[in-house]
Amino acid sequence: MTFHYWRTLRFGMVLALWVSIPGLVGAQSKSAVVTHPIAGQLVFTSANQLWVADTQTGITYPIISGEDVGYPVWSQDGSKVAYLQGLGVINIFDFNHQPPETRTVVFGDEKLYYPQGWLDEIQVLYQTYWMGLDLKSSHTIDIFDEETGKLTTLVTYQEDALLSEVPLPPGINTFQFKDLRQAVPNPVESEWIAVQMEGIVPGEILVFPEGTMEKIVDINYLWNYQTGQIFSLDQLFSTIRIASSNPIRWSNDGRYLHLLTYDDRNENTNWIVYFDPAVEAATAPKIVDQVEVSDSTIIYDWVGMGDLLLSKSRSDTDFVLYLSPIENGILKSEEFIRLPQTEFAYIRQFDWHITAKSDNK
């Protein structure tokens, strides 16, 4: 991959770098196998490269190369991709610019900026992580404004801190913070954020034949960062827990969420939860459906606004995504797109932007 040109600007003490990459669809392009063509674009990581696949034609091409590139997130209009690469920098690839280019804003710190979602055309929500001199981690939820280059911190969480402002699951009275898993904004009412975090219950020790460990607790809630309003998702369930290892995902219309729960026997259940994010009169989320899913299936995202989900199977050697409609509470699967392992190795993170216009695509 060749660099076309390099130029710099400054936002105060913040350095911004632009890198243009000509001929995106060229000699390096490959083909994905599209079984069910749908207008859209899939961005994904593979072997230190960021790729884009057209999910209608299968044409696939790299846009970024380099170590540790990952966590791509499409803008709402599909014109930009925010992604993680390197310490102390924010990276945004802009397809609208001619030729397309990456803008890298350098803060010069030792933090990792994980993009979580776009609030609008110029603002991106980030989950930021760094390790302090005391070897304890800190996490913030931040908004980055492309036009000003300014980063605004909404909230800060520090490892081992006792948190009182977060809603606790049934039966839990205290919570000691350990890790922030996600902070994903609602795609329509972007002031609402789905937050997942992990911590421990101080003083509660679990005993196993192999030894003991502190009791780990997952906290899941919806937070309006403008009004401070909070709705617990854990309170929807009395005897089972939401799995923070599986991301909470908003539907395209911002009214539904997909949740994965587990019980004491580690048996998983998938749920569809309805939430009205109206700014003036938001109401508590409620369960509207329970979905039967095989143990090998992982649900990743929504397709459109109806009962159609995007899933993946643990048993596939290739990277395969499935269209998974819900029929009478049972998840069906139809192969959508396949990225052969021989061509695309080590696919870890991806994001799909849909340009088809119908509700269920």
Protein backbone atom coordinates (compact mmCIF):
# COMPACT_ATOMS: atom_id res chain seq x y z
CA MET A 1 0.00 0.00 0.00
CA THR A 2 1.50 3.33 -1.03
CA PHE A 3 0.96 6.69 0.61
CA HIS A 4 -0.19 9.36 -1.83
CA TYR A 5 0.61 12.38 0.27
CA TRP A 6 1.04 13.60 3.83
CA ARG A 7 -0.03 16.90 5.33
CA THR A 8 -0.60 18.22 8.84
CA LEU A 9 -2.82 20.61 10.75
CA ARG A 10 -3.00 21.55 14.40
CA PHE A 11 -5.93 21.87 16.81
CA GLY A 12 -4.14 23.66 19.65
CA MET A 13 -1.80 21.01 21.06
CA VAL A 14 -3.48 18.25 19.07
CA LEU A 15 -1.75 17.14 15.87
CA ALA A 16 -3.86 15.87 12.98
CA LEU A 17 -2.38 13.79 10.14
CA TRP A 18 -4.04 13.01 6.80
CA VAL A 19 -2.92 10.01 4.75
CA SER A 20 -4.42 9.34 1.30
CA ILE A 21 -4.54 5.91 -0.26
CA PRO A 22 -5.16 5.76 -4.01
CA GLY A 23 -6.71 2.92 -5.98
CA LEU A 24 -8.66 1.27 -3.18
CA VAL A 25 -10.26 -1.26 -5.51
CA GLY A 26 -7.25 -2.44 -7.46
CA ALA A 27 -4.56 -5.08 -7.56
CA GLN A 28 -5.08 -6.07 -3.93
CA SER A 29 -8.82 -6.68 -4.17
CA LYS A 30 -10.25 -10.16 -3.54
CA SER A 31 -13.67 -11.74 -3.62
CA ALA A 32 -16.02 -12.82 -0.86
CA VAL A 33 -18.69 -15.44 -1.55
CA VAL A 34 -22.11 -13.74 -1.35
CA THR A 35 -25.00 -16.20 -1.15
CA HIS A 36 -27.74 -13.68 -0.35
CA PRO A 37 -26.77 -10.30 -1.89
CA ILE A 38 -27.80 -7.28 0.15
CA ALA A 39 -26.72 -3.70 -0.56
CA GLY A 40 -24.20 -2.79 2.10
CA GLN A 41 -20.57 -2.81 3.16
CA LEU A 42 -18.77 -4.99 5.69
CA VAL A 43 -15.60 -3.60 7.25
CA PHE A 44 -13.38 -6.14 9.04
CA THR A 45 -9.85 -6.83 10.28
CA SER A 46 -7.70 -9.59 8.81
CA ALA A 47 -3.97 -10.15 9.39
CA ASN A 48 -3.05 -6.55 10.25
CA GLN A 49 -5.27 -5.05 7.56
CA LEU A 50 -8.63 -3.32 7.52
CA TRP A 51 -10.80 -4.55 4.62
CA VAL A 52 -14.13 -3.54 3.11
CA ALA A 53 -16.41 -6.08 1.40
CA ASP A 54 -19.34 -5.09 -0.80
CA THR A 55 -22.10 -7.41 0.45
CA GLN A 56 -23.92 -7.24 -2.88
CA THR A 57 -21.06 -7.95 -5.31
CA GLY A 58 -18.50 -9.64 -3.04
CA ILE A 59 -15.70 -7.28 -4.13
CA THR A 60 -13.33 -6.92 -1.18
CA TYR A 61 -10.39 -4.52 -0.85
CA PRO A 62 -7.99 -3.27 1.88
CA ILE A 63 -8.10 0.31 3.11
CA ILE A 64 -5.58 0.29 5.98
CA SER A 65 -2.47 -1.78 6.77
CA GLY A 66 -0.42 -1.91 9.96
CA GLU A 67 -0.03 -3.68 13.27
CA ASP A 68 -2.86 -3.70 15.82
CA VAL A 69 -5.49 -2.22 13.51
CA GLY A 70 -8.98 -3.12 14.71
CA TYR A 71 -12.39 -2.25 16.18
CA PRO A 72 -13.84 -0.58 13.04
CA VAL A 73 -17.16 1.30 13.33
CA TRP A 74 -19.11 2.72 10.39
CA SER A 75 -20.56 6.21 10.54
CA GLN A 76 -24.33 6.35 10.23
CA ASP A 77 -24.20 7.36 6.55
CA GLY A 78 -21.45 4.89 5.65
CA SER A 79 -19.00 7.60 4.56
CA LYS A 80 -16.43 7.08 7.36
CA VAL A 81 -14.93 4.36 9.53
CA ALA A 82 -13.51 5.04 12.99
CA TYR A 83 -10.96 2.44 14.07
CA LEU A 84 -8.26 1.69 16.64
CA GLN A 85 -4.57 1.66 15.76
CA GLY A 86 -1.85 2.68 18.19
CA LEU A 87 -1.59 4.44 21.53
CA GLY A 88 -2.71 8.02 22.03
CA VAL A 89 -4.36 8.46 18.62
CA ILE A 90 -7.83 8.61 17.08
CA ASN A 91 -8.17 7.30 13.51
CA ILE A 92 -10.99 8.01 11.05
CA PHE A 93 -11.01 6.84 7.43
CA ASP A 94 -13.01 9.14 5.13
CA PHE A 95 -14.42 7.68 1.89
CA ASN A 96 -15.91 11.02 0.83
CA HIS A 97 -12.55 12.67 0.39
CA GLN A 98 -11.00 12.33 -3.08
CA PRO A 99 -8.89 10.33 -2.90
CA PRO A 100 -10.13 8.58 0.28
CA GLU A 101 -7.94 9.31 3.29
CA THR A 102 -7.25 8.52 6.92
CA ARG A 103 -7.25 11.32 9.45
CA THR A 104 -5.23 10.55 12.57
CA VAL A 105 -5.50 12.88 15.56
CA VAL A 106 -2.50 12.48 17.86
CA PHE A 107 -2.92 13.20 21.57
CA GLY A 108 0.50 11.85 22.51
CA ASP A 109 -0.66 9.95 25.60
CA GLU A 110 -0.57 6.25 26.51
CA LYS A 111 -4.29 5.68 26.08
CA LEU A 112 -6.22 3.33 23.81
CA TYR A 113 -9.26 4.91 22.14
CA TYR A 114 -11.87 2.27 21.24
CA PRO A 115 -14.63 3.66 18.97
CA GLN A 116 -18.12 2.64 20.13
CA GLY A 117 -20.43 4.40 17.68
CA TRP A 118 -21.21 7.66 15.89
CA LEU A 119 -23.51 10.23 17.51
CA ASP A 120 -23.91 12.17 14.25
CA GLU A 121 -21.85 13.03 11.15
CA ILE A 122 -18.91 14.52 13.09
CA GLN A 123 -19.07 13.14 16.65
CA VAL A 124 -17.81 9.71 17.71
CA LEU A 125 -18.31 8.04 21.09
CA TYR A 126 -15.19 6.35 22.49
CA GLN A 127 -14.37 4.04 25.34
CA THR A 128 -10.87 5.02 26.46
CA TYR A 129 -8.49 2.81 28.48
CA TRP A 130 -5.13 3.38 30.11
CA MET A 131 -2.96 1.96 32.87
CA GLY A 132 -1.77 4.23 35.69
CA LEU A 133 1.55 4.26 37.52
CA ASP A 134 -0.14 2.23 40.26
CA LEU A 135 -0.78 -0.50 37.64
CA LYS A 136 -4.52 0.01 37.94
CA SER A 137 -6.64 0.73 34.89
CA SER A 138 -8.84 3.74 34.22
CA HIS A 139 -11.71 3.90 31.75
CA THR A 140 -13.59 6.88 30.36
CA ILE A 141 -16.52 7.40 28.00
CA ASP A 142 -15.61 10.26 25.66
CA ILE A 143 -17.04 12.22 22.73
CA PHE A 144 -14.65 13.25 19.95
CA ASP A 145 -15.65 16.12 17.67
CA GLU A 146 -14.04 15.96 14.23
CA GLU A 147 -14.53 19.64 13.43
CA THR A 148 -12.86 20.99 16.58
CA GLY A 149 -10.51 18.10 17.39
CA LYS A 150 -11.83 18.27 20.95
CA LEU A 151 -12.30 15.25 23.22
CA THR A 152 -14.95 15.60 25.95
CA THR A 153 -15.05 13.13 28.84
CA LEU A 154 -18.53 12.18 30.04
CA VAL A 155 -17.60 9.86 32.91
CA THR A 156 -14.51 8.19 34.43
CA TYR A 157 -14.27 4.76 36.09
CA GLN A 158 -11.20 3.60 37.99
CA GLU A 159 -10.26 0.01 38.76
CA ASP A 160 -11.26 -1.14 42.29
CA ALA A 161 -13.43 1.93 42.90
CA LEU A 162 -16.73 1.30 44.68
CA LEU A 163 -19.51 2.58 42.43
CA SER A 164 -22.79 3.81 43.86
CA GLU A 165 -24.25 5.58 40.81
CA VAL A 166 -24.75 2.46 38.67
CA PRO A 167 -27.87 0.23 38.99
CA LEU A 168 -27.05 -3.13 40.57
CA PRO A 169 -28.54 -6.53 39.67
CA PRO A 170 -31.03 -8.20 42.05
CA GLY A 171 -29.36 -9.44 45.23
CA ILE A 172 -26.22 -7.30 44.79
CA ASN A 173 -25.68 -4.43 47.24
CA THR A 174 -22.10 -3.30 46.52
CA PHE A 175 -20.00 -3.23 43.37
CA GLN A 176 -16.26 -2.79 42.87
CA PHE A 177 -15.39 -1.74 39.31
CA LYS A 178 -12.94 -3.77 37.22
CA ASP A 179 -13.60 -3.31 33.50
CA LEU A 180 -15.75 -1.33 31.04
CA ARG A 181 -16.89 -3.67 28.24
CA GLN A 182 -18.94 -1.35 26.01
CA ALA A 183 -20.68 2.03 25.77
CA VAL A 184 -22.68 1.90 22.52
CA PRO A 185 -24.96 4.81 21.58
CA ASN A 186 -28.53 4.43 20.35
CA PRO A 187 -28.47 4.92 16.54
CA VAL A 188 -31.45 7.32 16.62
CA GLU A 189 -31.55 8.95 20.07
CA SER A 190 -27.78 9.01 20.51
CA GLU A 191 -27.84 10.46 24.05
CA TRP A 192 -28.89 6.98 25.22
CA ILE A 193 -25.91 4.63 25.71
CA ALA A 194 -25.97 0.87 26.37
CA VAL A 195 -23.28 0.32 29.03
CA GLN A 196 -21.71 -2.99 30.07
CA MET A 197 -19.17 -3.26 32.86
CA GLU A 198 -17.61 -5.96 35.01
CA GLY A 199 -16.65 -5.93 38.67
CA ILE A 200 -16.64 -7.93 41.87
CA VAL A 201 -18.76 -8.08 45.01
CA PRO A 202 -16.39 -7.10 47.85
CA GLY A 203 -16.07 -9.76 50.54
CA GLU A 204 -17.93 -12.48 48.61
CA ILE A 205 -15.68 -15.45 47.86
CA LEU A 206 -16.66 -18.41 45.69
CA VAL A 207 -15.15 -21.80 46.63
CA PHE A 208 -14.24 -24.38 43.95
CA PRO A 209 -12.35 -27.69 44.13
CA GLU A 210 -9.44 -25.95 42.40
CA GLY A 211 -9.44 -22.97 44.79
CA THR A 212 -11.31 -19.73 45.51
CA MET A 213 -12.13 -16.54 43.61
CA GLU A 214 -13.98 -13.31 44.17
CA LYS A 215 -17.56 -13.17 42.92
CA ILE A 216 -17.64 -11.51 39.48
CA VAL A 217 -20.68 -9.38 38.59
CA ASP A 218 -21.74 -7.96 35.22
CA ILE A 219 -23.61 -4.63 35.23
CA ASN A 220 -25.76 -3.72 32.21
CA TYR A 221 -27.84 -0.57 31.86
CA LEU A 222 -29.08 2.20 29.58
CA TRP A 223 -27.80 5.69 30.41
CA ASN A 224 -28.86 9.08 29.08
CA TYR A 225 -25.67 11.12 29.33
CA GLN A 226 -27.57 14.39 28.86
CA THR A 227 -30.30 13.95 31.50
CA GLY A 228 -28.62 11.35 33.74
CA GLN A 229 -31.62 9.01 33.46
CA ILE A 230 -30.72 5.32 33.93
CA PHE A 231 -32.60 2.08 33.30
CA SER A 232 -31.22 -1.23 34.57
CA LEU A 233 -31.26 -4.14 32.13
CA ASP A 234 -30.26 -6.60 34.86
CA GLN A 235 -33.51 -5.87 36.73
CA LEU A 236 -35.40 -7.56 33.88
CA PHE A 237 -34.14 -10.93 35.15
CA SER A 238 -34.33 -12.23 38.71
CA THR A 239 -32.33 -15.49 38.64
CA ILE A 240 -30.17 -15.24 35.50
CA ARG A 241 -27.43 -12.84 34.44
CA ILE A 242 -26.72 -10.90 31.25
CA ALA A 243 -23.45 -12.05 29.68
CA SER A 244 -21.12 -9.07 29.26
CA SER A 245 -18.94 -11.23 27.00
CA ASN A 246 -21.65 -10.81 24.34
CA PRO A 247 -22.24 -7.19 23.23
CA ILE A 248 -25.64 -5.54 23.63
CA ARG A 249 -26.78 -4.37 20.21
CA TRP A 250 -29.39 -1.75 19.26
CA SER A 251 -31.74 -2.33 16.33
CA ASN A 252 -31.47 0.21 13.49
CA ASP A 253 -34.56 2.11 14.68
CA GLY A 254 -33.19 2.34 18.23
CA ARG A 255 -36.23 0.61 19.75
CA TYR A 256 -34.96 -2.94 20.39
CA LEU A 257 -31.94 -4.58 22.00
CA HIS A 258 -30.56 -8.08 21.79
CA LEU A 259 -29.32 -9.59 25.09
CA LEU A 260 -27.67 -12.90 25.96
CA THR A 261 -28.17 -14.35 29.46
CA TYR A 262 -26.70 -17.32 31.32
CA ASP A 263 -27.83 -19.28 34.38
CA ASP A 264 -26.02 -21.25 37.12
CA ARG A 265 -25.53 -24.14 34.68
CA ASN A 266 -24.03 -21.78 32.07
CA GLU A 267 -26.97 -22.36 29.74
CA ASN A 268 -27.55 -19.41 27.43
CA THR A 269 -30.79 -17.73 26.39
CA ASN A 270 -31.25 -14.94 23.83
CA TRP A 271 -33.77 -12.15 24.46
CA ILE A 272 -35.28 -9.27 22.51
CA VAL A 273 -35.99 -6.21 24.67
CA TYR A 274 -38.12 -3.21 23.66
CA PHE A 275 -37.16 0.31 24.72
CA ASP A 276 -38.79 3.63 23.81
CA PRO A 277 -35.95 6.19 23.86
CA ALA A 278 -38.25 9.22 23.53
CA VAL A 279 -36.40 12.15 25.07
CA GLU A 280 -39.41 13.59 26.91
CA ALA A 281 -40.92 10.36 28.24
CA ALA A 282 -38.52 7.44 28.07
CA THR A 283 -40.03 4.30 29.57
CA ALA A 284 -38.37 1.32 31.22
CA PRO A 285 -37.22 -1.45 28.85
CA LYS A 286 -39.33 -4.62 28.69
CA ILE A 287 -38.85 -8.14 27.34
CA VAL A 288 -40.84 -8.85 24.17
CA ASP A 289 -39.36 -12.13 22.94
CA GLN A 290 -37.24 -15.12 23.93
CA VAL A 291 -35.26 -16.72 21.11
CA GLU A 292 -34.10 -20.33 20.89
CA VAL A 293 -30.57 -20.47 19.51
CA SER A 294 -28.16 -23.39 19.12
CA ASP A 295 -25.09 -23.42 21.36
CA SER A 296 -22.79 -22.90 18.37
CA THR A 297 -24.57 -19.75 17.13
CA ILE A 298 -23.45 -16.25 18.12
CA ILE A 299 -25.81 -13.34 17.40
CA TYR A 300 -23.91 -10.21 16.42
CA ASP A 301 -26.25 -7.53 15.16
CA TRP A 302 -29.59 -6.56 13.65
CA VAL A 303 -30.53 -6.48 9.99
CA GLY A 304 -32.98 -3.66 9.38
CA MET A 305 -35.66 -2.98 11.99
CA GLY A 306 -37.65 -6.22 12.12
CA ASP A 307 -37.11 -9.73 13.47
CA LEU A 308 -33.99 -10.38 11.41
CA LEU A 309 -30.57 -10.79 13.01
CA LEU A 310 -26.98 -11.28 11.88
CA SER A 311 -25.26 -14.35 13.32
CA LYS A 312 -22.11 -16.48 13.12
CA SER A 313 -21.40 -20.12 13.95
CA ARG A 314 -18.50 -21.28 16.12
CA SER A 315 -18.23 -24.45 14.02
CA ASP A 316 -17.31 -22.71 10.74
CA THR A 317 -13.70 -22.80 9.57
CA ASP A 318 -14.26 -19.89 7.19
CA PHE A 319 -15.66 -16.59 8.45
CA VAL A 320 -19.36 -16.90 7.61
CA LEU A 321 -22.20 -14.55 8.49
CA TYR A 322 -25.83 -15.72 8.42
CA LEU A 323 -29.13 -13.94 8.04
CA SER A 324 -31.20 -15.20 10.95
CA PRO A 325 -34.93 -14.47 11.00
CA ILE A 326 -36.94 -15.18 14.16
CA GLU A 327 -39.88 -17.48 13.42
CA ASN A 328 -42.16 -18.40 16.35
CA GLY A 329 -39.37 -17.72 18.82
CA ILE A 330 -36.84 -19.89 16.94
CA LEU A 331 -33.83 -18.48 15.13
CA LYS A 332 -33.40 -19.70 11.55
CA SER A 333 -30.19 -19.28 9.57
CA GLU A 334 -29.41 -18.68 5.90
CA GLU A 335 -25.83 -18.14 4.73
CA PHE A 336 -25.23 -14.51 3.80
CA ILE A 337 -21.53 -13.93 3.10
CA ARG A 338 -18.43 -16.13 3.35
CA LEU A 339 -14.83 -14.97 3.67
CA PRO A 340 -12.60 -18.02 2.99
CA GLN A 341 -9.90 -18.65 5.59
CA THR A 342 -7.38 -19.20 2.77
CA GLU A 343 -7.85 -15.57 1.70
CA PHE A 344 -8.74 -13.82 4.96
CA ALA A 345 -7.04 -15.07 8.13
CA TYR A 346 -7.61 -14.05 11.75
CA ILE A 347 -10.81 -12.05 11.31
CA ARG A 348 -11.63 -10.65 14.74
CA GLN A 349 -13.68 -7.46 14.59
CA PHE A 350 -16.17 -6.28 11.98
CA ASP A 351 -19.05 -3.88 11.42
CA TRP A 352 -21.75 -3.94 8.75
CA HIS A 353 -23.33 -0.84 7.21
CA ILE A 354 -26.56 -1.57 5.32
CA THR A 355 -27.62 0.63 2.42
CA ALA A 356 -30.66 -1.44 1.33
CA LYS A 357 -33.81 0.57 1.98
CA SER A 358 -36.50 -1.91 3.12
CA ASP A 359 -37.09 -2.56 6.84
CA ASN A 360 -35.82 -6.14 6.86
CA LYS A 361 -33.59 -5.84 3.78
